[in-house]
Amino acid sequence: MLPKSLTYLTLIIFLLISACKKSSPPTSLPSITQEGKNTFGCLINGKVFTPKKRFNSYDNLRANYSTIDRGTFNMSAPRSDGVNGEAVFFRSKGLMLAEGQTYKLGGDGINGVMFASYLKTVNFNSTRYDSKDDISGEIIITKLTSKIISGTFSFDAVSSDGVKVEIREGRFDLTL
């Protein structure tokens, strides 16, 4: 028979190990909403992507839009474990957004063009995939108020090596 202290120690170790579970990847996309629920999701090459809600005690999922300078929009949705990660980014400058409008993705995100990018990091090595003028992609703004921006998106992005990533069934519902 084991001494009581060894039994308790074994029980404590078992409880600590069982509590340290890796977070499993998401299996479904969030619903398409327009209520400022701070949701974001898409399929990246057919796999569900949603950002990690909190990392280092702050929200990573962010959006901001300003009508200053003829419209500036930024949205970021990262997911990271500290070594590996993924992120989807949108940006535009000089583009006044409007509810119900569809914007083609491409360019560099300035001079009135909406730009999208996907970043994949493996073991601290990152590869960036960008939307291009000659490749399909769009973002639709379904709701835009002073406090909420919602919409859907779909695009292809290409790395500097010519590797293509397909981003599909994208949706976001964020507070500004």
C-alpha atoms as a PDB file:
ATOM      1  CA  MET A   1       0.000   0.000   0.000  1.00  0.00           C
ATOM      2  CA  LEU A   2       1.245   3.468  -0.884  1.00  0.00           C
ATOM      3  CA  PRO A   3       1.864   6.018   1.859  1.00  0.00           C
ATOM      4  CA  LYS A   4      -0.832   8.728   2.061  1.00  0.00           C
ATOM      5  CA  SER A   5       1.577  11.494   0.998  1.00  0.00           C
ATOM      6  CA  LEU A   6       2.506   9.595  -2.208  1.00  0.00           C
ATOM      7  CA  THR A   7      -1.176   8.952  -2.956  1.00  0.00           C
ATOM      8  CA  TYR A   8      -1.980  12.641  -2.540  1.00  0.00           C
ATOM      9  CA  LEU A   9       1.005  13.650  -4.647  1.00  0.00           C
ATOM     10  CA  THR A  10      -0.050  11.256  -7.415  1.00  0.00           C
ATOM     11  CA  LEU A  11      -3.602  12.638  -7.302  1.00  0.00           C
ATOM     12  CA  ILE A  12      -2.357  16.255  -7.483  1.00  0.00           C
ATOM     13  CA  ILE A  13      -0.066  15.482 -10.440  1.00  0.00           C
ATOM     14  CA  PHE A  14      -2.912  13.706 -12.255  1.00  0.00           C
ATOM     15  CA  LEU A  15      -5.262  16.659 -11.701  1.00  0.00           C
ATOM     16  CA  LEU A  16      -2.647  19.162 -12.925  1.00  0.00           C
ATOM     17  CA  ILE A  17      -1.889  17.140 -16.057  1.00  0.00           C
ATOM     18  CA  SER A  18      -5.552  16.636 -16.908  1.00  0.00           C
ATOM     19  CA  ALA A  19      -6.187  20.384 -16.476  1.00  0.00           C
ATOM     20  CA  CYS A  20      -3.452  21.278 -18.990  1.00  0.00           C
ATOM     21  CA  LYS A  21      -5.293  20.506 -22.200  1.00  0.00           C
ATOM     22  CA  LYS A  22      -4.418  22.147 -25.476  1.00  0.00           C
ATOM     23  CA  SER A  23      -7.222  24.232 -26.869  1.00  0.00           C
ATOM     24  CA  SER A  24      -8.742  22.408 -29.781  1.00  0.00           C
ATOM     25  CA  PRO A  25      -9.124  24.146 -33.119  1.00  0.00           C
ATOM     26  CA  PRO A  26     -12.559  25.591 -33.913  1.00  0.00           C
ATOM     27  CA  THR A  27     -14.901  23.302 -35.842  1.00  0.00           C
ATOM     28  CA  SER A  28     -17.497  25.789 -37.065  1.00  0.00           C
ATOM     29  CA  LEU A  29     -17.740  29.377 -38.234  1.00  0.00           C
ATOM     30  CA  PRO A  30     -19.607  31.963 -36.173  1.00  0.00           C
ATOM     31  CA  SER A  31     -23.051  32.938 -37.398  1.00  0.00           C
ATOM     32  CA  ILE A  32     -23.414  35.913 -39.712  1.00  0.00           C
ATOM     33  CA  THR A  33     -24.709  38.692 -37.450  1.00  0.00           C
ATOM     34  CA  GLN A  34     -24.904  42.492 -37.443  1.00  0.00           C
ATOM     35  CA  GLU A  35     -25.109  43.258 -33.742  1.00  0.00           C
ATOM     36  CA  GLY A  36     -21.515  44.064 -32.743  1.00  0.00           C
ATOM     37  CA  LYS A  37     -20.936  40.589 -31.235  1.00  0.00           C
ATOM     38  CA  ASN A  38     -17.162  40.797 -31.904  1.00  0.00           C
ATOM     39  CA  THR A  39     -17.049  37.680 -34.043  1.00  0.00           C
ATOM     40  CA  PHE A  40     -14.846  36.829 -37.021  1.00  0.00           C
ATOM     41  CA  GLY A  41     -14.363  33.648 -38.998  1.00  0.00           C
ATOM     42  CA  CYS A  42     -13.528  32.203 -42.399  1.00  0.00           C
ATOM     43  CA  LEU A  43     -12.305  29.081 -44.136  1.00  0.00           C
ATOM     44  CA  ILE A  44      -8.601  29.094 -44.992  1.00  0.00           C
ATOM     45  CA  ASN A  45      -7.940  26.440 -47.608  1.00  0.00           C
ATOM     46  CA  GLY A  46     -11.088  24.709 -46.352  1.00  0.00           C
ATOM     47  CA  LYS A  47     -10.191  24.784 -42.637  1.00  0.00           C
ATOM     48  CA  VAL A  48     -12.122  26.834 -40.076  1.00  0.00           C
ATOM     49  CA  PHE A  49     -10.278  29.883 -38.765  1.00  0.00           C
ATOM     50  CA  THR A  50     -11.457  32.027 -35.878  1.00  0.00           C
ATOM     51  CA  PRO A  51      -9.170  34.344 -33.922  1.00  0.00           C
ATOM     52  CA  LYS A  52      -8.154  33.556 -30.392  1.00  0.00           C
ATOM     53  CA  LYS A  53     -10.414  35.794 -28.350  1.00  0.00           C
ATOM     54  CA  ARG A  54      -7.877  36.822 -25.738  1.00  0.00           C
ATOM     55  CA  PHE A  55      -4.117  36.673 -25.692  1.00  0.00           C
ATOM     56  CA  ASN A  56      -1.932  38.297 -23.027  1.00  0.00           C
ATOM     57  CA  SER A  57      -5.021  39.806 -21.356  1.00  0.00           C
ATOM     58  CA  TYR A  58      -6.266  41.886 -24.285  1.00  0.00           C
ATOM     59  CA  ASP A  59      -8.532  41.353 -27.263  1.00  0.00           C
ATOM     60  CA  ASN A  60      -6.671  40.591 -30.457  1.00  0.00           C
ATOM     61  CA  LEU A  61      -9.702  40.943 -32.693  1.00  0.00           C
ATOM     62  CA  ARG A  62      -9.813  44.618 -33.647  1.00  0.00           C
ATOM     63  CA  ALA A  63     -11.396  46.979 -36.123  1.00  0.00           C
ATOM     64  CA  ASN A  64     -11.317  50.724 -36.509  1.00  0.00           C
ATOM     65  CA  TYR A  65     -12.750  53.065 -39.091  1.00  0.00           C
ATOM     66  CA  SER A  66     -12.341  56.809 -39.367  1.00  0.00           C
ATOM     67  CA  THR A  67     -13.758  59.217 -41.916  1.00  0.00           C
ATOM     68  CA  ILE A  68     -10.695  61.430 -41.461  1.00  0.00           C
ATOM     69  CA  ASP A  69      -8.379  61.502 -44.496  1.00  0.00           C
ATOM     70  CA  ARG A  70     -11.197  60.336 -46.797  1.00  0.00           C
ATOM     71  CA  GLY A  71     -11.664  57.107 -44.809  1.00  0.00           C
ATOM     72  CA  THR A  72      -9.218  54.826 -43.022  1.00  0.00           C
ATOM     73  CA  PHE A  73     -10.124  51.222 -42.136  1.00  0.00           C
ATOM     74  CA  ASN A  74      -8.101  48.538 -40.331  1.00  0.00           C
ATOM     75  CA  MET A  75      -9.221  45.125 -39.152  1.00  0.00           C
ATOM     76  CA  SER A  76      -7.044  42.353 -37.691  1.00  0.00           C
ATOM     77  CA  ALA A  77      -7.951  38.841 -36.566  1.00  0.00           C
ATOM     78  CA  PRO A  78      -4.940  36.876 -35.230  1.00  0.00           C
ATOM     79  CA  ARG A  79      -4.675  33.455 -33.623  1.00  0.00           C
ATOM     80  CA  SER A  80      -1.383  32.455 -32.003  1.00  0.00           C
ATOM     81  CA  ASP A  81       0.101  30.104 -29.452  1.00  0.00           C
ATOM     82  CA  GLY A  82       3.242  32.234 -29.163  1.00  0.00           C
ATOM     83  CA  VAL A  83       5.291  30.216 -31.687  1.00  0.00           C
ATOM     84  CA  ASN A  84       2.827  29.363 -34.451  1.00  0.00           C
ATOM     85  CA  GLY A  85      -0.037  31.474 -35.655  1.00  0.00           C
ATOM     86  CA  GLU A  86      -2.278  32.809 -38.355  1.00  0.00           C
ATOM     87  CA  ALA A  87      -3.849  36.193 -38.956  1.00  0.00           C
ATOM     88  CA  VAL A  88      -6.174  37.845 -41.449  1.00  0.00           C
ATOM     89  CA  PHE A  89      -5.821  41.603 -41.999  1.00  0.00           C
ATOM     90  CA  PHE A  90      -7.767  44.221 -43.974  1.00  0.00           C
ATOM     91  CA  ARG A  91      -6.837  47.844 -44.539  1.00  0.00           C
ATOM     92  CA  SER A  92      -7.783  50.806 -46.674  1.00  0.00           C
ATOM     93  CA  LYS A  93      -6.910  54.475 -46.758  1.00  0.00           C
ATOM     94  CA  GLY A  94      -8.679  57.083 -48.831  1.00  0.00           C
ATOM     95  CA  LEU A  95     -11.792  54.926 -49.157  1.00  0.00           C
ATOM     96  CA  MET A  96     -15.081  56.013 -47.620  1.00  0.00           C
ATOM     97  CA  LEU A  97     -16.955  52.854 -46.635  1.00  0.00           C
ATOM     98  CA  ALA A  98     -20.722  52.618 -46.956  1.00  0.00           C
ATOM     99  CA  GLU A  99     -23.273  50.105 -45.759  1.00  0.00           C
ATOM    100  CA  GLY A 100     -24.466  47.762 -48.523  1.00  0.00           C
ATOM    101  CA  GLN A 101     -21.404  48.312 -50.717  1.00  0.00           C
ATOM    102  CA  THR A 102     -19.044  45.709 -52.194  1.00  0.00           C
ATOM    103  CA  TYR A 103     -15.332  46.529 -52.435  1.00  0.00           C
ATOM    104  CA  LYS A 104     -12.878  44.688 -54.655  1.00  0.00           C
ATOM    105  CA  LEU A 105      -9.708  43.598 -52.860  1.00  0.00           C
ATOM    106  CA  GLY A 106      -6.248  44.267 -54.253  1.00  0.00           C
ATOM    107  CA  GLY A 107      -3.586  46.921 -54.381  1.00  0.00           C
ATOM    108  CA  ASP A 108      -1.784  48.094 -51.287  1.00  0.00           C
ATOM    109  CA  GLY A 109      -4.589  49.462 -49.122  1.00  0.00           C
ATOM    110  CA  ILE A 110      -3.981  53.115 -49.950  1.00  0.00           C
ATOM    111  CA  ASN A 111      -5.351  55.476 -52.569  1.00  0.00           C
ATOM    112  CA  GLY A 112      -8.927  54.252 -52.248  1.00  0.00           C
ATOM    113  CA  VAL A 113      -8.312  50.488 -52.527  1.00  0.00           C
ATOM    114  CA  MET A 114      -9.206  47.811 -49.975  1.00  0.00           C
ATOM    115  CA  PHE A 115      -6.339  45.388 -49.263  1.00  0.00           C
ATOM    116  CA  ALA A 116      -6.382  41.986 -47.515  1.00  0.00           C
ATOM    117  CA  SER A 117      -3.554  39.832 -46.241  1.00  0.00           C
ATOM    118  CA  TYR A 118      -3.101  36.448 -44.581  1.00  0.00           C
ATOM    119  CA  LEU A 119      -0.060  35.736 -42.410  1.00  0.00           C
ATOM    120  CA  LYS A 120       1.005  32.181 -41.495  1.00  0.00           C
ATOM    121  CA  THR A 121       3.749  31.650 -38.889  1.00  0.00           C
ATOM    122  CA  VAL A 122       5.355  28.264 -38.196  1.00  0.00           C
ATOM    123  CA  ASN A 123       8.190  28.041 -35.650  1.00  0.00           C
ATOM    124  CA  PHE A 124       8.603  31.835 -35.775  1.00  0.00           C
ATOM    125  CA  ASN A 125       8.993  31.809 -39.620  1.00  0.00           C
ATOM    126  CA  SER A 126       6.293  33.866 -41.309  1.00  0.00           C
ATOM    127  CA  THR A 127       4.898  33.856 -44.825  1.00  0.00           C
ATOM    128  CA  ARG A 128       2.612  36.646 -45.983  1.00  0.00           C
ATOM    129  CA  TYR A 129      -0.065  36.152 -48.633  1.00  0.00           C
ATOM    130  CA  ASP A 130      -1.572  39.311 -50.160  1.00  0.00           C
ATOM    131  CA  SER A 131      -4.639  40.137 -52.207  1.00  0.00           C
ATOM    132  CA  LYS A 132      -3.759  41.291 -55.726  1.00  0.00           C
ATOM    133  CA  ASP A 133      -5.530  43.437 -58.313  1.00  0.00           C
ATOM    134  CA  ASP A 134      -5.608  40.579 -60.830  1.00  0.00           C
ATOM    135  CA  ILE A 135      -6.939  37.922 -58.406  1.00  0.00           C
ATOM    136  CA  SER A 136     -10.547  37.649 -57.249  1.00  0.00           C
ATOM    137  CA  GLY A 137     -11.585  38.973 -53.880  1.00  0.00           C
ATOM    138  CA  GLU A 138     -14.183  41.192 -52.252  1.00  0.00           C
ATOM    139  CA  ILE A 139     -15.488  42.474 -48.954  1.00  0.00           C
ATOM    140  CA  ILE A 140     -19.139  43.452 -48.497  1.00  0.00           C
ATOM    141  CA  ILE A 141     -20.049  45.898 -45.731  1.00  0.00           C
ATOM    142  CA  THR A 142     -23.491  44.805 -44.533  1.00  0.00           C
ATOM    143  CA  LYS A 143     -23.713  47.170 -41.559  1.00  0.00           C
ATOM    144  CA  LEU A 144     -21.799  50.337 -40.711  1.00  0.00           C
ATOM    145  CA  THR A 145     -22.675  52.643 -37.840  1.00  0.00           C
ATOM    146  CA  SER A 146     -20.556  54.731 -35.513  1.00  0.00           C
ATOM    147  CA  LYS A 147     -20.294  51.670 -33.232  1.00  0.00           C
ATOM    148  CA  ILE A 148     -20.596  48.544 -35.434  1.00  0.00           C
ATOM    149  CA  ILE A 149     -19.087  47.222 -38.653  1.00  0.00           C
ATOM    150  CA  SER A 150     -20.288  43.908 -40.092  1.00  0.00           C
ATOM    151  CA  GLY A 151     -19.820  42.130 -43.367  1.00  0.00           C
ATOM    152  CA  THR A 152     -18.670  39.173 -45.402  1.00  0.00           C
ATOM    153  CA  PHE A 153     -15.573  38.502 -47.492  1.00  0.00           C
ATOM    154  CA  SER A 154     -13.882  36.048 -49.799  1.00  0.00           C
ATOM    155  CA  PHE A 155     -10.501  36.288 -51.506  1.00  0.00           C
ATOM    156  CA  ASP A 156      -7.420  34.550 -52.817  1.00  0.00           C
ATOM    157  CA  ALA A 157      -4.030  35.705 -51.586  1.00  0.00           C
ATOM    158  CA  VAL A 158      -0.588  34.957 -53.005  1.00  0.00           C
ATOM    159  CA  SER A 159       2.837  34.743 -51.343  1.00  0.00           C
ATOM    160  CA  SER A 160       6.014  36.207 -52.850  1.00  0.00           C
ATOM    161  CA  ASP A 161       6.791  32.619 -53.985  1.00  0.00           C
ATOM    162  CA  GLY A 162       3.526  32.444 -55.934  1.00  0.00           C
ATOM    163  CA  VAL A 163       1.755  30.080 -53.515  1.00  0.00           C
ATOM    164  CA  LYS A 164      -2.000  30.769 -53.349  1.00  0.00           C
ATOM    165  CA  VAL A 165      -4.236  30.594 -50.260  1.00  0.00           C
ATOM    166  CA  GLU A 166      -8.041  30.520 -50.579  1.00  0.00           C
ATOM    167  CA  ILE A 167     -10.026  32.470 -47.988  1.00  0.00           C
ATOM    168  CA  ARG A 168     -13.756  31.689 -48.213  1.00  0.00           C
ATOM    169  CA  GLU A 169     -17.060  32.204 -46.364  1.00  0.00           C
ATOM    170  CA  GLY A 170     -15.599  35.059 -44.312  1.00  0.00           C
ATOM    171  CA  ARG A 171     -17.757  36.992 -41.901  1.00  0.00           C
ATOM    172  CA  PHE A 172     -17.220  39.633 -39.219  1.00  0.00           C
ATOM    173  CA  ASP A 173     -19.360  41.546 -36.753  1.00  0.00           C
ATOM    174  CA  LEU A 174     -17.268  43.969 -34.708  1.00  0.00           C
ATOM    175  CA  THR A 175     -17.612  46.976 -32.493  1.00  0.00           C
ATOM    176  CA  LEU A 176     -15.675  50.054 -33.514  1.00  0.00           C
END
